[in-house]
């Protein structure tokens, strides 16, 4: 536990030191010729407004509605399968079987 805490503290104090450091990259991916420039941000590591334009944000209400719609569609598919494949006479009987946990008949 102490090691984990030490690592987290180290990350908090070490990472900000790289902010504003501009480096050239070799073809192998190593950084060379690093220079500290105050206020400079690496475009590979910085999200801009232009990057955010295509992103879609989903609210909790939208996510709940989407999951509800998926559940209702899956329930309808299960009812239809029980009525036609298992020859359940009514929709209500199919729903009762689903709620009771009766497995579908395998043919």
N, C-alpha and C. Protein backbone atom coordinates (compact mmCIF):
# COMPACT_ATOMS: atom_id res chain seq x y z
N UNK A 1 0.83 -1.19 0.00
CA UNK A 1 0.00 0.00 0.00
C UNK A 1 0.88 1.26 0.00
N UNK A 2 1.95 1.21 0.77
CA UNK A 2 2.84 2.36 0.83
C UNK A 2 3.52 2.60 -0.51
N UNK A 3 3.85 1.49 -1.20
CA UNK A 3 4.49 1.62 -2.51
C UNK A 3 3.55 2.27 -3.52
N UNK A 4 2.28 1.86 -3.46
CA UNK A 4 1.29 2.44 -4.37
C UNK A 4 1.12 3.93 -4.10
N UNK A 5 1.04 4.29 -2.84
CA UNK A 5 0.92 5.69 -2.47
C UNK A 5 2.14 6.48 -2.93
N UNK A 6 3.31 5.90 -2.78
CA UNK A 6 4.54 6.54 -3.21
C UNK A 6 4.56 6.74 -4.73
N UNK A 7 4.09 5.75 -5.46
CA UNK A 7 4.03 5.87 -6.92
C UNK A 7 3.06 6.97 -7.34
N UNK A 8 1.88 7.01 -6.71
CA UNK A 8 0.90 8.05 -7.04
C UNK A 8 1.43 9.45 -6.74
N UNK A 9 2.09 9.60 -5.61
CA UNK A 9 2.67 10.90 -5.28
C UNK A 9 3.76 11.26 -6.29
N UNK A 10 4.55 10.27 -6.67
CA UNK A 10 5.61 10.51 -7.66
C UNK A 10 5.04 10.96 -8.99
N UNK A 11 3.94 10.34 -9.40
CA UNK A 11 3.31 10.73 -10.67
C UNK A 11 2.80 12.16 -10.60
N UNK A 12 2.21 12.53 -9.46
CA UNK A 12 1.67 13.89 -9.31
C UNK A 12 2.77 14.95 -9.40
N UNK A 13 3.95 14.64 -8.90
CA UNK A 13 5.01 15.64 -8.90
C UNK A 13 5.92 15.56 -10.12
N UNK A 14 5.99 14.41 -10.77
CA UNK A 14 6.88 14.25 -11.91
C UNK A 14 6.22 14.70 -13.21
N UNK A 15 4.96 14.34 -13.43
CA UNK A 15 4.29 14.64 -14.70
C UNK A 15 4.24 16.13 -15.04
N UNK A 16 3.91 17.01 -14.08
CA UNK A 16 3.88 18.42 -14.44
C UNK A 16 5.22 18.98 -14.91
N UNK A 17 6.32 18.32 -14.55
CA UNK A 17 7.62 18.83 -14.97
C UNK A 17 7.80 18.69 -16.49
N UNK A 18 7.05 17.80 -17.14
CA UNK A 18 7.15 17.62 -18.58
C UNK A 18 6.30 18.63 -19.35
N UNK A 19 5.41 19.33 -18.66
CA UNK A 19 4.58 20.32 -19.34
C UNK A 19 5.48 21.43 -19.84
N UNK A 20 5.32 21.79 -21.09
CA UNK A 20 6.12 22.86 -21.67
C UNK A 20 7.46 22.41 -22.18
N UNK A 21 7.69 21.11 -22.23
CA UNK A 21 8.96 20.59 -22.72
C UNK A 21 8.78 20.13 -24.17
N UNK A 22 9.49 20.77 -25.08
CA UNK A 22 9.40 20.43 -26.49
C UNK A 22 10.62 19.60 -26.87
N UNK A 23 10.36 18.46 -27.51
CA UNK A 23 11.45 17.57 -27.88
C UNK A 23 11.32 17.16 -29.35
N UNK A 24 12.45 16.92 -29.97
CA UNK A 24 12.46 16.34 -31.31
C UNK A 24 12.41 14.83 -31.14
N UNK A 25 11.86 14.14 -32.13
CA UNK A 25 11.76 12.68 -32.05
C UNK A 25 12.61 12.04 -33.14
N UNK A 26 13.29 10.98 -32.76
CA UNK A 26 14.08 10.21 -33.72
C UNK A 26 13.15 9.25 -34.45
N UNK A 27 13.59 8.67 -35.57
CA UNK A 27 12.74 7.70 -36.28
C UNK A 27 12.36 6.50 -35.41
N UNK A 28 13.15 6.18 -34.40
CA UNK A 28 12.82 5.07 -33.51
C UNK A 28 11.79 5.46 -32.45
N UNK A 29 11.48 6.75 -32.35
CA UNK A 29 10.49 7.22 -31.39
C UNK A 29 11.07 7.81 -30.12
N UNK A 30 12.38 7.89 -30.01
CA UNK A 30 13.01 8.46 -28.83
C UNK A 30 13.00 9.98 -28.90
N UNK A 31 13.00 10.62 -27.73
CA UNK A 31 13.01 12.09 -27.68
C UNK A 31 14.45 12.59 -27.54
N UNK A 32 14.78 13.61 -28.33
CA UNK A 32 16.10 14.23 -28.25
C UNK A 32 15.95 15.74 -28.31
N UNK A 33 16.99 16.44 -27.97
CA UNK A 33 17.02 17.91 -28.03
C UNK A 33 15.84 18.54 -27.30
N UNK A 34 15.59 18.12 -26.08
CA UNK A 34 14.46 18.65 -25.32
C UNK A 34 14.78 20.05 -24.80
N UNK A 35 13.81 20.96 -24.96
CA UNK A 35 13.95 22.34 -24.53
C UNK A 35 12.68 22.72 -23.79
N UNK A 36 12.85 23.37 -22.64
CA UNK A 36 11.68 23.80 -21.88
C UNK A 36 11.22 25.16 -22.41
N UNK A 37 9.98 25.20 -22.88
CA UNK A 37 9.38 26.43 -23.39
C UNK A 37 8.12 26.69 -22.56
N UNK A 38 8.10 27.73 -21.73
CA UNK A 38 6.93 28.00 -20.89
C UNK A 38 5.68 28.23 -21.74
N UNK A 39 4.60 27.53 -21.39
CA UNK A 39 3.33 27.70 -22.09
C UNK A 39 3.16 26.84 -23.33
N UNK A 40 4.20 26.14 -23.75
CA UNK A 40 4.09 25.30 -24.95
C UNK A 40 3.38 24.00 -24.60
N UNK A 41 2.49 23.57 -25.48
CA UNK A 41 1.76 22.32 -25.27
C UNK A 41 2.00 21.41 -26.45
N UNK A 42 2.30 20.16 -26.19
CA UNK A 42 2.53 19.17 -27.23
C UNK A 42 1.21 18.88 -27.94
N UNK A 43 1.11 19.11 -29.25
CA UNK A 43 -0.15 18.87 -29.96
C UNK A 43 -0.56 17.40 -29.94
N UNK A 44 0.38 16.48 -29.76
CA UNK A 44 0.03 15.07 -29.68
C UNK A 44 -0.66 14.72 -28.36
N UNK A 45 -0.44 15.53 -27.34
CA UNK A 45 -0.98 15.25 -26.03
C UNK A 45 -2.06 16.23 -25.58
N UNK A 46 -2.41 17.19 -26.42
CA UNK A 46 -3.35 18.24 -26.05
C UNK A 46 -4.61 18.14 -26.90
N UNK A 47 -5.77 18.17 -26.25
CA UNK A 47 -7.05 18.15 -26.95
C UNK A 47 -7.48 19.59 -27.19
N UNK A 48 -7.83 19.90 -28.42
CA UNK A 48 -8.26 21.25 -28.77
C UNK A 48 -9.76 21.27 -29.04
N UNK A 49 -10.31 22.47 -29.21
CA UNK A 49 -11.73 22.61 -29.54
C UNK A 49 -12.03 21.92 -30.87
N UNK A 50 -11.11 21.97 -31.80
CA UNK A 50 -11.30 21.32 -33.11
C UNK A 50 -11.43 19.81 -32.94
N UNK A 51 -10.65 19.24 -32.02
CA UNK A 51 -10.74 17.79 -31.76
C UNK A 51 -12.08 17.41 -31.15
N UNK A 52 -12.66 18.32 -30.39
CA UNK A 52 -13.89 18.03 -29.66
C UNK A 52 -15.14 18.15 -30.52
N UNK A 53 -15.05 18.74 -31.71
CA UNK A 53 -16.25 19.01 -32.52
C UNK A 53 -17.03 17.76 -32.88
N UNK A 54 -16.37 16.67 -33.20
CA UNK A 54 -17.08 15.48 -33.63
C UNK A 54 -17.52 14.58 -32.50
N UNK A 55 -17.19 14.93 -31.27
CA UNK A 55 -17.53 14.06 -30.15
C UNK A 55 -18.99 14.23 -29.74
N UNK A 56 -19.59 13.14 -29.30
CA UNK A 56 -20.98 13.15 -28.88
C UNK A 56 -21.03 12.91 -27.38
N UNK A 57 -21.75 13.77 -26.67
CA UNK A 57 -21.90 13.61 -25.24
C UNK A 57 -23.29 13.06 -24.95
N UNK A 58 -23.37 12.04 -24.13
CA UNK A 58 -24.64 11.41 -23.81
C UNK A 58 -24.94 11.68 -22.34
N UNK A 59 -26.12 12.22 -22.08
CA UNK A 59 -26.52 12.46 -20.70
C UNK A 59 -27.01 11.16 -20.09
N UNK A 60 -27.14 11.14 -18.77
CA UNK A 60 -27.62 9.94 -18.08
C UNK A 60 -29.04 9.59 -18.53
N UNK A 61 -29.87 10.61 -18.74
CA UNK A 61 -31.25 10.36 -19.17
C UNK A 61 -31.26 9.71 -20.57
N UNK A 62 -30.39 10.19 -21.46
CA UNK A 62 -30.31 9.60 -22.79
C UNK A 62 -29.82 8.17 -22.73
N UNK A 63 -28.83 7.92 -21.86
CA UNK A 63 -28.30 6.57 -21.72
C UNK A 63 -29.37 5.62 -21.17
N UNK A 64 -30.12 6.09 -20.16
CA UNK A 64 -31.21 5.27 -19.60
C UNK A 64 -32.26 4.97 -20.66
N UNK A 65 -32.64 5.97 -21.43
CA UNK A 65 -33.64 5.77 -22.47
C UNK A 65 -33.14 4.77 -23.52
N UNK A 66 -31.87 4.86 -23.87
CA UNK A 66 -31.29 3.94 -24.85
C UNK A 66 -31.29 2.51 -24.32
N UNK A 67 -30.90 2.33 -23.05
CA UNK A 67 -30.89 1.00 -22.46
C UNK A 67 -32.31 0.44 -22.32
N UNK A 68 -33.25 1.32 -22.00
CA UNK A 68 -34.65 0.88 -21.90
C UNK A 68 -35.15 0.41 -23.26
N UNK A 69 -34.81 1.14 -24.30
CA UNK A 69 -35.22 0.77 -25.65
C UNK A 69 -34.59 -0.57 -26.05
N UNK A 70 -33.32 -0.77 -25.71
CA UNK A 70 -32.66 -2.04 -26.01
C UNK A 70 -33.33 -3.19 -25.26
N UNK A 71 -33.67 -2.97 -23.98
CA UNK A 71 -34.33 -3.99 -23.19
C UNK A 71 -35.69 -4.34 -23.77
N UNK A 72 -36.46 -3.32 -24.12
CA UNK A 72 -37.79 -3.57 -24.69
C UNK A 72 -37.70 -4.35 -26.00
N UNK A 73 -36.71 -4.02 -26.83
CA UNK A 73 -36.53 -4.74 -28.09
C UNK A 73 -36.14 -6.20 -27.84
N UNK A 74 -35.25 -6.43 -26.87
CA UNK A 74 -34.85 -7.80 -26.54
C UNK A 74 -36.03 -8.59 -25.97
N UNK A 75 -36.84 -7.93 -25.16
CA UNK A 75 -38.03 -8.59 -24.60
C UNK A 75 -39.01 -8.96 -25.71
N UNK A 76 -39.24 -8.04 -26.64
CA UNK A 76 -40.13 -8.32 -27.77
C UNK A 76 -39.61 -9.49 -28.59
N UNK A 77 -38.31 -9.54 -28.83
CA UNK A 77 -37.72 -10.65 -29.58
C UNK A 77 -37.92 -11.98 -28.85
N UNK A 78 -37.75 -11.95 -27.53
CA UNK A 78 -37.92 -13.17 -26.73
C UNK A 78 -39.38 -13.63 -26.74
N UNK A 79 -40.31 -12.70 -26.61
CA UNK A 79 -41.73 -13.05 -26.64
C UNK A 79 -42.09 -13.65 -27.99
N UNK A 80 -41.62 -13.02 -29.06
CA UNK A 80 -41.90 -13.52 -30.41
C UNK A 80 -41.31 -14.93 -30.59
N UNK A 81 -40.11 -15.13 -30.12
CA UNK A 81 -39.47 -16.45 -30.26
C UNK A 81 -40.25 -17.50 -29.49
N UNK A 82 -40.69 -17.18 -28.29
CA UNK A 82 -41.46 -18.16 -27.51
C UNK A 82 -42.81 -18.45 -28.15
N UNK A 83 -43.44 -17.45 -28.71
CA UNK A 83 -44.75 -17.68 -29.31
C UNK A 83 -44.66 -18.53 -30.57
N UNK A 84 -43.65 -18.34 -31.39
CA UNK A 84 -43.57 -19.05 -32.66
C UNK A 84 -42.75 -20.33 -32.58
N UNK A 85 -41.65 -20.31 -31.84
CA UNK A 85 -40.80 -21.51 -31.77
C UNK A 85 -41.31 -22.50 -30.73
N UNK A 86 -41.75 -21.99 -29.57
CA UNK A 86 -42.19 -22.87 -28.50
C UNK A 86 -43.70 -23.10 -28.53
N UNK A 87 -44.38 -22.48 -29.46
CA UNK A 87 -45.83 -22.62 -29.62
C UNK A 87 -46.61 -22.23 -28.36
N UNK A 88 -46.19 -21.12 -27.73
CA UNK A 88 -46.92 -20.58 -26.59
C UNK A 88 -48.15 -19.87 -27.15
N UNK A 89 -49.35 -20.18 -26.63
CA UNK A 89 -50.57 -19.66 -27.25
C UNK A 89 -50.78 -18.15 -27.14
N UNK A 90 -50.40 -17.54 -26.02
CA UNK A 90 -50.66 -16.10 -25.86
C UNK A 90 -49.40 -15.36 -25.46
N UNK A 91 -49.46 -14.09 -25.66
CA UNK A 91 -48.38 -13.19 -25.28
C UNK A 91 -48.19 -13.18 -23.76
N UNK A 92 -49.31 -13.17 -23.04
CA UNK A 92 -49.27 -13.16 -21.58
C UNK A 92 -48.59 -14.41 -21.04
N UNK A 93 -48.87 -15.56 -21.66
CA UNK A 93 -48.23 -16.81 -21.23
C UNK A 93 -46.72 -16.76 -21.50
N UNK A 94 -46.33 -16.16 -22.62
CA UNK A 94 -44.90 -16.03 -22.93
C UNK A 94 -44.21 -15.15 -21.90
N UNK A 95 -44.86 -14.06 -21.51
CA UNK A 95 -44.29 -13.16 -20.49
C UNK A 95 -44.20 -13.87 -19.15
N UNK A 96 -45.23 -14.64 -18.79
CA UNK A 96 -45.20 -15.40 -17.54
C UNK A 96 -44.04 -16.40 -17.54
N UNK A 97 -43.83 -17.07 -18.67
CA UNK A 97 -42.73 -18.03 -18.78
C UNK A 97 -41.38 -17.34 -18.63
N UNK A 98 -41.25 -16.16 -19.22
CA UNK A 98 -39.99 -15.41 -19.12
C UNK A 98 -39.74 -15.01 -17.67
N UNK A 99 -40.77 -14.48 -17.00
CA UNK A 99 -40.61 -14.03 -15.61
C UNK A 99 -40.38 -15.20 -14.65
N UNK A 100 -40.95 -16.37 -14.99
CA UNK A 100 -40.78 -17.55 -14.14
C UNK A 100 -39.42 -18.22 -14.37
N UNK A 101 -38.75 -17.84 -15.44
CA UNK A 101 -37.44 -18.42 -15.73
C UNK A 101 -37.52 -19.76 -16.44
N UNK A 102 -38.65 -20.01 -17.08
CA UNK A 102 -38.81 -21.27 -17.83
C UNK A 102 -37.90 -21.22 -19.06
N UNK A 103 -37.02 -22.22 -19.22
CA UNK A 103 -36.13 -22.20 -20.39
C UNK A 103 -36.89 -22.48 -21.67
N UNK A 104 -36.37 -21.96 -22.77
CA UNK A 104 -37.01 -22.21 -24.05
C UNK A 104 -36.76 -23.64 -24.48
N UNK A 105 -37.70 -24.16 -25.24
CA UNK A 105 -37.58 -25.53 -25.73
C UNK A 105 -36.54 -25.58 -26.83
N UNK A 106 -35.70 -26.59 -26.77
CA UNK A 106 -34.66 -26.76 -27.79
C UNK A 106 -35.14 -27.83 -28.76
N UNK A 107 -35.10 -27.53 -30.01
CA UNK A 107 -35.56 -28.50 -31.03
C UNK A 107 -34.40 -29.06 -31.78
